[in-house]
Amino acid sequence: MRIGELAAQAGVSRDAIRFYEKVGLVEGRRLPNGYRDFPPEAVAWLHYVRTAQTLGFSLAEIARHGEQLREAPDSADALSTLFAEKIQVIDARMAELATLRADLAARVGTGCPLRAAERTA
């Protein structure tokens, strides 16, 4: 299918498809007239890519794990493992952000954002 049809069916822009092709997430062949031709399964793959992005996965992570998930005998187990790993990353980031927030809150009203506030225990 041509890029316009793929874009319409997958709900992404032609520019997004061109970018995904450039970074190796989707592959189309070139027809003699120069048009791109994509296989029908590219629609499902682009839905997967967009959903994974919504769940917080970077394009690099999607590219790194995409092939193994498509070819895994039990992709549900593989996905569950990836989700569990992503939850750990998010939890660690949330802890870092909570620490950063507490540090910023302690500096409010100190007159100098570069000097740590005195803490009383």
PDB file of N, CA and C in Angstrom:
ATOM      1  N   MET A   1       0.840  -1.166   0.000  1.00  0.00           N
ATOM      2  CA  MET A   1       0.000   0.000   0.000  1.00  0.00           C
ATOM      3  C   MET A   1       0.889   1.234   0.000  1.00  0.00           C
ATOM      4  N   ARG A   2       0.381   2.301  -0.548  1.00  0.00           N
ATOM      5  CA  ARG A   2       1.129   3.546  -0.634  1.00  0.00           C
ATOM      6  C   ARG A   2       1.099   4.272   0.705  1.00  0.00           C
ATOM      7  N   ILE A   3       1.985   5.231   0.847  1.00  0.00           N
ATOM      8  CA  ILE A   3       2.163   5.915   2.123  1.00  0.00           C
ATOM      9  C   ILE A   3       0.898   6.641   2.580  1.00  0.00           C
ATOM     10  N   GLY A   4       0.157   7.231   1.663  1.00  0.00           N
ATOM     11  CA  GLY A   4      -1.070   7.934   2.035  1.00  0.00           C
ATOM     12  C   GLY A   4      -2.117   6.997   2.601  1.00  0.00           C
ATOM     13  N   GLU A   5      -2.269   5.838   1.992  1.00  0.00           N
ATOM     14  CA  GLU A   5      -3.219   4.838   2.478  1.00  0.00           C
ATOM     15  C   GLU A   5      -2.787   4.306   3.840  1.00  0.00           C
ATOM     16  N   LEU A   6      -1.488   4.044   3.997  1.00  0.00           N
ATOM     17  CA  LEU A   6      -0.964   3.577   5.280  1.00  0.00           C
ATOM     18  C   LEU A   6      -1.202   4.630   6.361  1.00  0.00           C
ATOM     19  N   ALA A   7      -0.934   5.876   6.035  1.00  0.00           N
ATOM     20  CA  ALA A   7      -1.136   6.960   6.997  1.00  0.00           C
ATOM     21  C   ALA A   7      -2.595   7.032   7.436  1.00  0.00           C
ATOM     22  N   ALA A   8      -3.510   6.930   6.493  1.00  0.00           N
ATOM     23  CA  ALA A   8      -4.940   6.995   6.814  1.00  0.00           C
ATOM     24  C   ALA A   8      -5.370   5.811   7.671  1.00  0.00           C
ATOM     25  N   GLN A   9      -4.932   4.619   7.326  1.00  0.00           N
ATOM     26  CA  GLN A   9      -5.339   3.421   8.073  1.00  0.00           C
ATOM     27  C   GLN A   9      -4.698   3.361   9.460  1.00  0.00           C
ATOM     28  N   ALA A  10      -3.471   3.837   9.566  1.00  0.00           N
ATOM     29  CA  ALA A  10      -2.760   3.763  10.846  1.00  0.00           C
ATOM     30  C   ALA A  10      -3.029   4.979  11.735  1.00  0.00           C
ATOM     31  N   GLY A  11      -3.590   6.029  11.163  1.00  0.00           N
ATOM     32  CA  GLY A  11      -3.876   7.222  11.943  1.00  0.00           C
ATOM     33  C   GLY A  11      -2.647   8.036  12.293  1.00  0.00           C
ATOM     34  N   VAL A  12      -1.662   8.011  11.420  1.00  0.00           N
ATOM     35  CA  VAL A  12      -0.451   8.804  11.608  1.00  0.00           C
ATOM     36  C   VAL A  12      -0.221   9.630  10.346  1.00  0.00           C
ATOM     37  N   SER A  13       0.640  10.609  10.456  1.00  0.00           N
ATOM     38  CA  SER A  13       0.913  11.451   9.290  1.00  0.00           C
ATOM     39  C   SER A  13       1.922  10.773   8.359  1.00  0.00           C
ATOM     40  N   ARG A  14       1.939  11.249   7.134  1.00  0.00           N
ATOM     41  CA  ARG A  14       2.935  10.755   6.175  1.00  0.00           C
ATOM     42  C   ARG A  14       4.342  11.087   6.666  1.00  0.00           C
ATOM     43  N   ASP A  15       4.477  12.273   7.258  1.00  0.00           N
ATOM     44  CA  ASP A  15       5.792  12.658   7.787  1.00  0.00           C
ATOM     45  C   ASP A  15       6.244  11.705   8.891  1.00  0.00           C
ATOM     46  N   ALA A  16       5.313  11.289   9.738  1.00  0.00           N
ATOM     47  CA  ALA A  16       5.668  10.338  10.800  1.00  0.00           C
ATOM     48  C   ALA A  16       6.144   9.028  10.183  1.00  0.00           C
ATOM     49  N   ILE A  17       5.458   8.569   9.166  1.00  0.00           N
ATOM     50  CA  ILE A  17       5.863   7.317   8.510  1.00  0.00           C
ATOM     51  C   ILE A  17       7.242   7.475   7.890  1.00  0.00           C
ATOM     52  N   ARG A  18       7.477   8.596   7.241  1.00  0.00           N
ATOM     53  CA  ARG A  18       8.810   8.833   6.658  1.00  0.00           C
ATOM     54  C   ARG A  18       9.885   8.833   7.744  1.00  0.00           C
ATOM     55  N   PHE A  19       9.573   9.454   8.889  1.00  0.00           N
ATOM     56  CA  PHE A  19      10.527   9.471   9.998  1.00  0.00           C
ATOM     57  C   PHE A  19      10.751   8.057  10.525  1.00  0.00           C
ATOM     58  N   TYR A  20       9.671   7.308  10.740  1.00  0.00           N
ATOM     59  CA  TYR A  20       9.798   5.929  11.224  1.00  0.00           C
ATOM     60  C   TYR A  20      10.620   5.100  10.243  1.00  0.00           C
ATOM     61  N   GLU A  21      10.437   5.349   8.967  1.00  0.00           N
ATOM     62  CA  GLU A  21      11.214   4.631   7.957  1.00  0.00           C
ATOM     63  C   GLU A  21      12.691   5.023   8.064  1.00  0.00           C
ATOM     64  N   LYS A  22      12.946   6.298   8.270  1.00  0.00           N
ATOM     65  CA  LYS A  22      14.327   6.786   8.380  1.00  0.00           C
ATOM     66  C   LYS A  22      15.058   6.170   9.567  1.00  0.00           C
ATOM     67  N   VAL A  23      14.345   5.991  10.695  1.00  0.00           N
ATOM     68  CA  VAL A  23      14.992   5.426  11.890  1.00  0.00           C
ATOM     69  C   VAL A  23      14.880   3.903  11.948  1.00  0.00           C
ATOM     70  N   GLY A  24      14.271   3.301  10.934  1.00  0.00           N
ATOM     71  CA  GLY A  24      14.249   1.846  10.841  1.00  0.00           C
ATOM     72  C   GLY A  24      13.089   1.150  11.525  1.00  0.00           C
ATOM     73  N   LEU A  25      12.053   1.891  11.903  1.00  0.00           N
ATOM     74  CA  LEU A  25      10.904   1.263  12.562  1.00  0.00           C
ATOM     75  C   LEU A  25       9.923   0.637  11.593  1.00  0.00           C
ATOM     76  N   VAL A  26       9.887   1.136  10.381  1.00  0.00           N
ATOM     77  CA  VAL A  26       9.000   0.585   9.362  1.00  0.00           C
ATOM     78  C   VAL A  26       9.773   0.582   8.050  1.00  0.00           C
ATOM     79  N   GLU A  27       9.483  -0.411   7.240  1.00  0.00           N
ATOM     80  CA  GLU A  27      10.227  -0.544   5.997  1.00  0.00           C
ATOM     81  C   GLU A  27       9.268  -0.692   4.829  1.00  0.00           C
ATOM     82  N   GLY A  28       9.498   0.118   3.837  1.00  0.00           N
ATOM     83  CA  GLY A  28       8.730   0.010   2.602  1.00  0.00           C
ATOM     84  C   GLY A  28       9.693  -0.146   1.448  1.00  0.00           C
ATOM     85  N   ARG A  29       9.199  -0.723   0.408  1.00  0.00           N
ATOM     86  CA  ARG A  29      10.059  -0.857  -0.769  1.00  0.00           C
ATOM     87  C   ARG A  29       9.706   0.261  -1.740  1.00  0.00           C
ATOM     88  N   ARG A  30      10.643   0.586  -2.590  1.00  0.00           N
ATOM     89  CA  ARG A  30      10.422   1.622  -3.586  1.00  0.00           C
ATOM     90  C   ARG A  30       9.945   0.986  -4.884  1.00  0.00           C
ATOM     91  N   LEU A  31       8.891   1.529  -5.408  1.00  0.00           N
ATOM     92  CA  LEU A  31       8.387   1.086  -6.702  1.00  0.00           C
ATOM     93  C   LEU A  31       9.209   1.759  -7.800  1.00  0.00           C
ATOM     94  N   PRO A  32       9.147   1.250  -9.022  1.00  0.00           N
ATOM     95  CA  PRO A  32       9.921   1.864 -10.113  1.00  0.00           C
ATOM     96  C   PRO A  32       9.630   3.356 -10.304  1.00  0.00           C
ATOM     97  N   ASN A  33       8.426   3.776  -9.966  1.00  0.00           N
ATOM     98  CA  ASN A  33       8.080   5.192 -10.117  1.00  0.00           C
ATOM     99  C   ASN A  33       8.535   6.034  -8.918  1.00  0.00           C
ATOM    100  N   GLY A  34       9.200   5.409  -7.927  1.00  0.00           N
ATOM    101  CA  GLY A  34       9.718   6.120  -6.774  1.00  0.00           C
ATOM    102  C   GLY A  34       8.795   6.140  -5.569  1.00  0.00           C
ATOM    103  N   TYR A  35       7.559   5.702  -5.750  1.00  0.00           N
ATOM    104  CA  TYR A  35       6.623   5.674  -4.629  1.00  0.00           C
ATOM    105  C   TYR A  35       7.023   4.601  -3.628  1.00  0.00           C
ATOM    106  N   ARG A  36       6.679   4.840  -2.373  1.00  0.00           N
ATOM    107  CA  ARG A  36       6.902   3.836  -1.338  1.00  0.00           C
ATOM    108  C   ARG A  36       5.733   2.861  -1.359  1.00  0.00           C
ATOM    109  N   ASP A  37       6.037   1.606  -1.098  1.00  0.00           N
ATOM    110  CA  ASP A  37       5.006   0.571  -1.015  1.00  0.00           C
ATOM    111  C   ASP A  37       5.231  -0.194   0.284  1.00  0.00           C
ATOM    112  N   PHE A  38       4.203  -0.206   1.140  1.00  0.00           N
ATOM    113  CA  PHE A  38       4.314  -0.833   2.451  1.00  0.00           C
ATOM    114  C   PHE A  38       3.420  -2.068   2.515  1.00  0.00           C
ATOM    115  N   PRO A  39       3.849  -3.088   3.253  1.00  0.00           N
ATOM    116  CA  PRO A  39       3.024  -4.287   3.395  1.00  0.00           C
ATOM    117  C   PRO A  39       1.821  -3.995   4.291  1.00  0.00           C
ATOM    118  N   PRO A  40       0.732  -4.753   4.141  1.00  0.00           N
ATOM    119  CA  PRO A  40      -0.470  -4.527   4.953  1.00  0.00           C
ATOM    120  C   PRO A  40      -0.222  -4.629   6.457  1.00  0.00           C
ATOM    121  N   GLU A  41       0.724  -5.474   6.873  1.00  0.00           N
ATOM    122  CA  GLU A  41       0.991  -5.631   8.307  1.00  0.00           C
ATOM    123  C   GLU A  41       1.634  -4.385   8.922  1.00  0.00           C
ATOM    124  N   ALA A  42       2.039  -3.437   8.098  1.00  0.00           N
ATOM    125  CA  ALA A  42       2.604  -2.189   8.622  1.00  0.00           C
ATOM    126  C   ALA A  42       1.558  -1.392   9.399  1.00  0.00           C
ATOM    127  N   VAL A  43       0.282  -1.556   9.064  1.00  0.00           N
ATOM    128  CA  VAL A  43      -0.782  -0.850   9.787  1.00  0.00           C
ATOM    129  C   VAL A  43      -0.786  -1.280  11.251  1.00  0.00           C
ATOM    130  N   ALA A  44      -0.822  -2.581  11.501  1.00  0.00           N
ATOM    131  CA  ALA A  44      -0.826  -3.092  12.881  1.00  0.00           C
ATOM    132  C   ALA A  44       0.454  -2.692  13.604  1.00  0.00           C
ATOM    133  N   TRP A  45       1.576  -2.741  12.909  1.00  0.00           N
ATOM    134  CA  TRP A  45       2.841  -2.376  13.522  1.00  0.00           C
ATOM    135  C   TRP A  45       2.837  -0.905  13.941  1.00  0.00           C
ATOM    136  N   LEU A  46       2.308  -0.016  13.103  1.00  0.00           N
ATOM    137  CA  LEU A  46       2.266   1.399  13.455  1.00  0.00           C
ATOM    138  C   LEU A  46       1.307   1.648  14.614  1.00  0.00           C
ATOM    139  N   HIS A  47       0.232   0.889  14.700  1.00  0.00           N
ATOM    140  CA  HIS A  47      -0.644   0.981  15.872  1.00  0.00           C
ATOM    141  C   HIS A  47       0.131   0.584  17.129  1.00  0.00           C
ATOM    142  N   TYR A  48       0.920  -0.465  17.019  1.00  0.00           N
ATOM    143  CA  TYR A  48       1.751  -0.921  18.134  1.00  0.00           C
ATOM    144  C   TYR A  48       2.727   0.184  18.545  1.00  0.00           C
ATOM    145  N   VAL A  49       3.395   0.785  17.573  1.00  0.00           N
ATOM    146  CA  VAL A  49       4.377   1.838  17.845  1.00  0.00           C
ATOM    147  C   VAL A  49       3.707   2.993  18.583  1.00  0.00           C
ATOM    148  N   ARG A  50       2.557   3.441  18.100  1.00  0.00           N
ATOM    149  CA  ARG A  50       1.874   4.571  18.725  1.00  0.00           C
ATOM    150  C   ARG A  50       1.400   4.222  20.141  1.00  0.00           C
ATOM    151  N   THR A  51       0.906   3.020  20.331  1.00  0.00           N
ATOM    152  CA  THR A  51       0.466   2.605  21.665  1.00  0.00           C
ATOM    153  C   THR A  51       1.661   2.538  22.610  1.00  0.00           C
ATOM    154  N   ALA A  52       2.761   1.979  22.135  1.00  0.00           N
ATOM    155  CA  ALA A  52       3.963   1.887  22.967  1.00  0.00           C
ATOM    156  C   ALA A  52       4.459   3.278  23.356  1.00  0.00           C
ATOM    157  N   GLN A  53       4.399   4.229  22.424  1.00  0.00           N
ATOM    158  CA  GLN A  53       4.793   5.600  22.743  1.00  0.00           C
ATOM    159  C   GLN A  53       3.875   6.185  23.808  1.00  0.00           C
ATOM    160  N   THR A  54       2.591   5.927  23.689  1.00  0.00           N
ATOM    161  CA  THR A  54       1.627   6.417  24.676  1.00  0.00           C
ATOM    162  C   THR A  54       1.928   5.844  26.054  1.00  0.00           C
ATOM    163  N   LEU A  55       2.429   4.625  26.103  1.00  0.00           N
ATOM    164  CA  LEU A  55       2.765   3.974  27.369  1.00  0.00           C
ATOM    165  C   LEU A  55       4.142   4.396  27.898  1.00  0.00           C
ATOM    166  N   GLY A  56       4.795   5.321  27.205  1.00  0.00           N
ATOM    167  CA  GLY A  56       6.049   5.864  27.702  1.00  0.00           C
ATOM    168  C   GLY A  56       7.310   5.261  27.129  1.00  0.00           C
ATOM    169  N   PHE A  57       7.178   4.393  26.144  1.00  0.00           N
ATOM    170  CA  PHE A  57       8.362   3.796  25.534  1.00  0.00           C
ATOM    171  C   PHE A  57       8.914   4.741  24.468  1.00  0.00           C
ATOM    172  N   SER A  58      10.217   4.884  24.445  1.00  0.00           N
ATOM    173  CA  SER A  58      10.860   5.722  23.432  1.00  0.00           C
ATOM    174  C   SER A  58      10.923   4.951  22.116  1.00  0.00           C
ATOM    175  N   LEU A  59      11.165   5.671  21.041  1.00  0.00           N
ATOM    176  CA  LEU A  59      11.306   5.005  19.744  1.00  0.00           C
ATOM    177  C   LEU A  59      12.504   4.059  19.757  1.00  0.00           C
ATOM    178  N   ALA A  60      13.550   4.432  20.469  1.00  0.00           N
ATOM    179  CA  ALA A  60      14.723   3.551  20.573  1.00  0.00           C
ATOM    180  C   ALA A  60      14.349   2.248  21.272  1.00  0.00           C
ATOM    181  N   GLU A  61      13.558   2.333  22.336  1.00  0.00           N
ATOM    182  CA  GLU A  61      13.121   1.120  23.038  1.00  0.00           C
ATOM    183  C   GLU A  61      12.226   0.274  22.141  1.00  0.00           C
ATOM    184  N   ILE A  62      11.348   0.923  21.409  1.00  0.00           N
ATOM    185  CA  ILE A  62      10.451   0.200  20.508  1.00  0.00           C
ATOM    186  C   ILE A  62      11.263  -0.506  19.434  1.00  0.00           C
ATOM    187  N   ALA A  63      12.229   0.200  18.874  1.00  0.00           N
ATOM    188  CA  ALA A  63      13.079  -0.406  17.844  1.00  0.00           C
ATOM    189  C   ALA A  63      13.879  -1.569  18.402  1.00  0.00           C
ATOM    190  N   ARG A  64      14.380  -1.398  19.625  1.00  0.00           N
ATOM    191  CA  ARG A  64      15.217  -2.433  20.238  1.00  0.00           C
ATOM    192  C   ARG A  64      14.425  -3.707  20.521  1.00  0.00           C
ATOM    193  N   HIS A  65      13.174  -3.559  20.950  1.00  0.00           N
ATOM    194  CA  HIS A  65      12.400  -4.725  21.363  1.00  0.00           C
ATOM    195  C   HIS A  65      11.362  -5.168  20.339  1.00  0.00           C
ATOM    196  N   GLY A  66      11.140  -4.370  19.323  1.00  0.00           N
ATOM    197  CA  GLY A  66      10.073  -4.656  18.366  1.00  0.00           C
ATOM    198  C   GLY A  66      10.172  -5.998  17.674  1.00  0.00           C
ATOM    199  N   GLU A  67      11.323  -6.286  17.116  1.00  0.00           N
ATOM    200  CA  GLU A  67      11.476  -7.543  16.388  1.00  0.00           C
ATOM    201  C   GLU A  67      11.326  -8.749  17.297  1.00  0.00           C
ATOM    202  N   GLN A  68      11.903  -8.677  18.485  1.00  0.00           N
ATOM    203  CA  GLN A  68      11.802  -9.821  19.386  1.00  0.00           C
ATOM    204  C   GLN A  68      10.350 -10.046  19.805  1.00  0.00           C
ATOM    205  N   LEU A  69       9.577  -8.979  19.939  1.00  0.00           N
ATOM    206  CA  LEU A  69       8.178  -9.133  20.335  1.00  0.00           C
ATOM    207  C   LEU A  69       7.332  -9.678  19.189  1.00  0.00           C
ATOM    208  N   ARG A  70       7.637  -9.261  17.970  1.00  0.00           N
ATOM    209  CA  ARG A  70       6.873  -9.756  16.817  1.00  0.00           C
ATOM    210  C   ARG A  70       7.125 -11.241  16.596  1.00  0.00           C
ATOM    211  N   GLU A  71       8.325 -11.673  16.926  1.00  0.00           N
ATOM    212  CA  GLU A  71       8.689 -13.063  16.646  1.00  0.00           C
ATOM    213  C   GLU A  71       8.666 -13.955  17.882  1.00  0.00           C
ATOM    214  N   ALA A  72       8.334 -13.385  19.043  1.00  0.00           N
ATOM    215  CA  ALA A  72       8.318 -14.176  20.280  1.00  0.00           C
ATOM    216  C   ALA A  72       7.161 -15.166  20.251  1.00  0.00           C
ATOM    217  N   PRO A  73       7.416 -16.416  20.704  1.00  0.00           N
ATOM    218  CA  PRO A  73       6.339 -17.400  20.715  1.00  0.00           C
ATOM    219  C   PRO A  73       5.198 -16.989  21.643  1.00  0.00           C
ATOM    220  N   ASP A  74       5.527 -16.327  22.743  1.00  0.00           N
ATOM    221  CA  ASP A  74       4.498 -15.848  23.653  1.00  0.00           C
ATOM    222  C   ASP A  74       4.774 -14.382  23.941  1.00  0.00           C
ATOM    223  N   SER A  75       4.289 -13.531  23.052  1.00  0.00           N
ATOM    224  CA  SER A  75       4.594 -12.115  23.194  1.00  0.00           C
ATOM    225  C   SER A  75       3.944 -11.510  24.435  1.00  0.00           C
ATOM    226  N   ALA A  76       2.884 -12.129  24.966  1.00  0.00           N
ATOM    227  CA  ALA A  76       2.256 -11.609  26.190  1.00  0.00           C
ATOM    228  C   ALA A  76       3.255 -11.653  27.346  1.00  0.00           C
ATOM    229  N   ASP A  77       3.992 -12.747  27.471  1.00  0.00           N
ATOM    230  CA  ASP A  77       5.013 -12.841  28.523  1.00  0.00           C
ATOM    231  C   ASP A  77       6.130 -11.831  28.294  1.00  0.00           C
ATOM    232  N   ALA A  78       6.550 -11.683  27.046  1.00  0.00           N
ATOM    233  CA  ALA A  78       7.611 -10.737  26.726  1.00  0.00           C
ATOM    234  C   ALA A  78       7.151  -9.312  27.011  1.00  0.00           C
ATOM    235  N   LEU A  79       5.915  -9.003  26.653  1.00  0.00           N
ATOM    236  CA  LEU A  79       5.378  -7.671  26.926  1.00  0.00           C
ATOM    237  C   LEU A  79       5.253  -7.425  28.425  1.00  0.00           C
ATOM    238  N   SER A  80       4.799  -8.420  29.155  1.00  0.00           N
ATOM    239  CA  SER A  80       4.669  -8.273  30.606  1.00  0.00           C
ATOM    240  C   SER A  80       6.017  -7.976  31.241  1.00  0.00           C
ATOM    241  N   THR A  81       7.049  -8.623  30.773  1.00  0.00           N
ATOM    242  CA  THR A  81       8.399  -8.372  31.277  1.00  0.00           C
ATOM    243  C   THR A  81       8.824  -6.941  30.969  1.00  0.00           C
ATOM    244  N   LEU A  82       8.577  -6.498  29.731  1.00  0.00           N
ATOM    245  CA  LEU A  82       8.921  -5.119  29.368  1.00  0.00           C
ATOM    246  C   LEU A  82       8.140  -4.108  30.199  1.00  0.00           C
ATOM    247  N   PHE A  83       6.856  -4.386  30.426  1.00  0.00           N
ATOM    248  CA  PHE A  83       6.027  -3.483  31.221  1.00  0.00           C
ATOM    249  C   PHE A  83       6.545  -3.407  32.654  1.00  0.00           C
ATOM    250  N   ALA A  84       6.902  -4.543  33.220  1.00  0.00           N
ATOM    251  CA  ALA A  84       7.422  -4.567  34.594  1.00  0.00           C
ATOM    252  C   ALA A  84       8.722  -3.762  34.686  1.00  0.00           C
ATOM    253  N   GLU A  85       9.583  -3.913  33.673  1.00  0.00           N
ATOM    254  CA  GLU A  85      10.834  -3.147  33.654  1.00  0.00           C
ATOM    255  C   GLU A  85      10.546  -1.658  33.533  1.00  0.00           C
ATOM    256  N   LYS A  86       9.584  -1.290  32.708  1.00  0.00           N
ATOM    257  CA  LYS A  86       9.239   0.119  32.520  1.00  0.00           C
ATOM    258  C   LYS A  86       8.655   0.695  33.810  1.00  0.00           C
ATOM    259  N   ILE A  87       7.864  -0.083  34.518  1.00  0.00           N
ATOM    260  CA  ILE A  87       7.308   0.367  35.800  1.00  0.00           C
ATOM    261  C   ILE A  87       8.428   0.663  36.782  1.00  0.00           C
ATOM    262  N   GLN A  88       9.471  -0.164  36.809  1.00  0.00           N
ATOM    263  CA  GLN A  88      10.614   0.079  37.694  1.00  0.00           C
ATOM    264  C   GLN A  88      11.313   1.389  37.333  1.00  0.00           C
ATOM    265  N   VAL A  89      11.466   1.639  36.045  1.00  0.00           N
ATOM    266  CA  VAL A  89      12.089   2.889  35.596  1.00  0.00           C
ATOM    267  C   VAL A  89      11.240   4.084  36.017  1.00  0.00           C
ATOM    268  N   ILE A  90       9.933   3.970  35.838  1.00  0.00           N
ATOM    269  CA  ILE A  90       9.017   5.054  36.217  1.00  0.00           C
ATOM    270  C   ILE A  90       9.050   5.277  37.720  1.00  0.00           C
ATOM    271  N   ASP A  91       9.025   4.194  38.499  1.00  0.00           N
ATOM    272  CA  ASP A  91       9.079   4.325  39.962  1.00  0.00           C
ATOM    273  C   ASP A  91      10.364   5.023  40.406  1.00  0.00           C
ATOM    274  N   ALA A  92      11.481   4.673  39.794  1.00  0.00           N
ATOM    275  CA  ALA A  92      12.755   5.312  40.138  1.00  0.00           C
ATOM    276  C   ALA A  92      12.715   6.792  39.775  1.00  0.00           C
ATOM    277  N   ARG A  93      12.170   7.091  38.624  1.00  0.00           N
ATOM    278  CA  ARG A  93      12.075   8.496  38.196  1.00  0.00           C
ATOM    279  C   ARG A  93      11.146   9.281  39.120  1.00  0.00           C
ATOM    280  N   MET A  94      10.039   8.659  39.533  1.00  0.00           N
ATOM    281  CA  MET A  94       9.115   9.325  40.457  1.00  0.00           C
ATOM    282  C   MET A  94       9.806   9.624  41.788  1.00  0.00           C
ATOM    283  N   ALA A  95      10.626   8.707  42.258  1.00  0.00           N
ATOM    284  CA  ALA A  95      11.364   8.932  43.510  1.00  0.00           C
ATOM    285  C   ALA A  95      12.349  10.088  43.336  1.00  0.00           C
ATOM    286  N   GLU A  96      13.039  10.134  42.201  1.00  0.00           N
ATOM    287  CA  GLU A  96      13.957  11.237  41.919  1.00  0.00           C
ATOM    288  C   GLU A  96      13.212  12.564  41.882  1.00  0.00           C
ATOM    289  N   LEU A  97      12.045  12.567  41.232  1.00  0.00           N
ATOM    290  CA  LEU A  97      11.261  13.796  41.140  1.00  0.00           C
ATOM    291  C   LEU A  97      10.728  14.228  42.501  1.00  0.00           C
ATOM    292  N   ALA A  98      10.352  13.271  43.345  1.00  0.00           N
ATOM    293  CA  ALA A  98       9.877  13.609  44.694  1.00  0.00           C
ATOM    294  C   ALA A  98      11.010  14.245  45.504  1.00  0.00           C
ATOM    295  N   THR A  99      12.214  13.722  45.367  1.00  0.00           N
ATOM    296  CA  THR A  99      13.369  14.294  46.051  1.00  0.00           C
ATOM    297  C   THR A  99      13.650  15.698  45.530  1.00  0.00           C
ATOM    298  N   LEU A 100      13.601  15.867  44.226  1.00  0.00           N
ATOM    299  CA  LEU A 100      13.818  17.177  43.621  1.00  0.00           C
ATOM    300  C   LEU A 100      12.759  18.168  44.090  1.00  0.00           C
ATOM    301  N   ARG A 101      11.517  17.730  44.146  1.00  0.00           N
ATOM    302  CA  ARG A 101      10.430  18.598  44.592  1.00  0.00           C
ATOM    303  C   ARG A 101      10.649  19.036  46.038  1.00  0.00           C
ATOM    304  N   ALA A 102      11.029  18.093  46.880  1.00  0.00           N
ATOM    305  CA  ALA A 102      11.269  18.414  48.294  1.00  0.00           C
ATOM    306  C   ALA A 102      12.413  19.420  48.424  1.00  0.00           C
ATOM    307  N   ASP A 103      13.455  19.248  47.632  1.00  0.00           N
ATOM    308  CA  ASP A 103      14.586  20.171  47.672  1.00  0.00           C
ATOM    309  C   ASP A 103      14.156  21.561  47.221  1.00  0.00           C
ATOM    310  N   LEU A 104      13.378  21.633  46.153  1.00  0.00           N
ATOM    311  CA  LEU A 104      12.883  22.926  45.677  1.00  0.00           C
ATOM    312  C   LEU A 104      11.967  23.570  46.717  1.00  0.00           C
ATOM    313  N   ALA A 105      11.087  22.786  47.301  1.00  0.00           N
ATOM    314  CA  ALA A 105      10.169  23.306  48.312  1.00  0.00           C
ATOM    315  C   ALA A 105      10.937  23.853  49.511  1.00  0.00           C
ATOM    316  N   ALA A 106      12.037  23.192  49.882  1.00  0.00           N
ATOM    317  CA  ALA A 106      12.845  23.646  51.010  1.00  0.00           C
ATOM    318  C   ALA A 106      13.527  24.975  50.703  1.00  0.00           C
ATOM    319  N   ARG A 107      13.738  25.295  49.441  1.00  0.00           N
ATOM    320  CA  ARG A 107      14.418  26.523  49.043  1.00  0.00           C
ATOM    321  C   ARG A 107      13.460  27.705  48.860  1.00  0.00           C
ATOM    322  N   VAL A 108      12.170  27.429  48.812  1.00  0.00           N
ATOM    323  CA  VAL A 108      11.197  28.509  48.653  1.00  0.00           C
ATOM    324  C   VAL A 108      11.309  29.450  49.847  1.00  0.00           C
ATOM    325  N   GLY A 109      11.431  30.736  49.546  1.00  0.00           N
ATOM    326  CA  GLY A 109      11.499  31.741  50.601  1.00  0.00           C
ATOM    327  C   GLY A 109      12.867  31.918  51.222  1.00  0.00           C
ATOM    328  N   THR A 110      13.885  31.202  50.752  1.00  0.00           N
ATOM    329  CA  THR A 110      15.225  31.343  51.337  1.00  0.00           C
ATOM    330  C   THR A 110      15.958  32.543  50.770  1.00  0.00           C
ATOM    331  N   GLY A 111      15.488  33.081  49.656  1.00  0.00           N
ATOM    332  CA  GLY A 111      16.140  34.221  49.038  1.00  0.00           C
ATOM    333  C   GLY A 111      17.280  33.847  48.118  1.00  0.00           C
ATOM    334  N   CYS A 112      17.721  32.606  48.183  1.00  0.00           N
ATOM    335  CA  CYS A 112      18.813  32.168  47.317  1.00  0.00           C
ATOM    336  C   CYS A 112      18.546  30.733  46.884  1.00  0.00           C
ATOM    337  N   PRO A 113      18.239  30.534  45.632  1.00  0.00           N
ATOM    338  CA  PRO A 113      17.933  29.174  45.189  1.00  0.00           C
ATOM    339  C   PRO A 113      19.147  28.251  45.141  1.00  0.00           C
ATOM    340  N   LEU A 114      20.336  28.801  45.312  1.00  0.00           N
ATOM    341  CA  LEU A 114      21.541  27.969  45.242  1.00  0.00           C
ATOM    342  C   LEU A 114      22.022  27.522  46.609  1.00  0.00           C
ATOM    343  N   ARG A 115      21.384  27.973  47.671  1.00  0.00           N
ATOM    344  CA  ARG A 115      21.800  27.590  49.024  1.00  0.00           C
ATOM    345  C   ARG A 115      20.710  26.704  49.601  1.00  0.00           C
ATOM    346  N   ALA A 116      21.096  25.551  50.081  1.00  0.00           N
ATOM    347  CA  ALA A 116      20.126  24.630  50.669  1.00  0.00           C
ATOM    348  C   ALA A 116      19.533  25.252  51.925  1.00  0.00           C
ATOM    349  N   ALA A 117      18.259  25.041  52.123  1.00  0.00           N
ATOM    350  CA  ALA A 117      17.583  25.540  53.322  1.00  0.00           C
ATOM    351  C   ALA A 117      18.035  24.732  54.523  1.00  0.00           C
ATOM    352  N   GLU A 118      18.054  25.380  55.656  1.00  0.00           N
ATOM    353  CA  GLU A 118      18.396  24.683  56.906  1.00  0.00           C
ATOM    354  C   GLU A 118      17.261  23.700  57.219  1.00  0.00           C
ATOM    355  N   ARG A 119      17.638  22.519  57.547  1.00  0.00           N
ATOM    356  CA  ARG A 119      16.637  21.505  57.894  1.00  0.00           C
ATOM    357  C   ARG A 119      16.677  21.284  59.396  1.00  0.00           C
ATOM    358  N   THR A 120      15.511  21.215  59.966  1.00  0.00           N
ATOM    359  CA  THR A 120      15.423  20.926  61.393  1.00  0.00           C
ATOM    360  C   THR A 120      14.917  19.515  61.567  1.00  0.00           C
ATOM    361  N   ALA A 121      15.540  18.822  62.487  1.00  0.00           N
ATOM    362  CA  ALA A 121      15.135  17.433  62.691  1.00  0.00           C
ATOM    363  C   ALA A 121      14.636  17.204  64.077  1.00  0.00           C
TER     364      ALA A 121
END
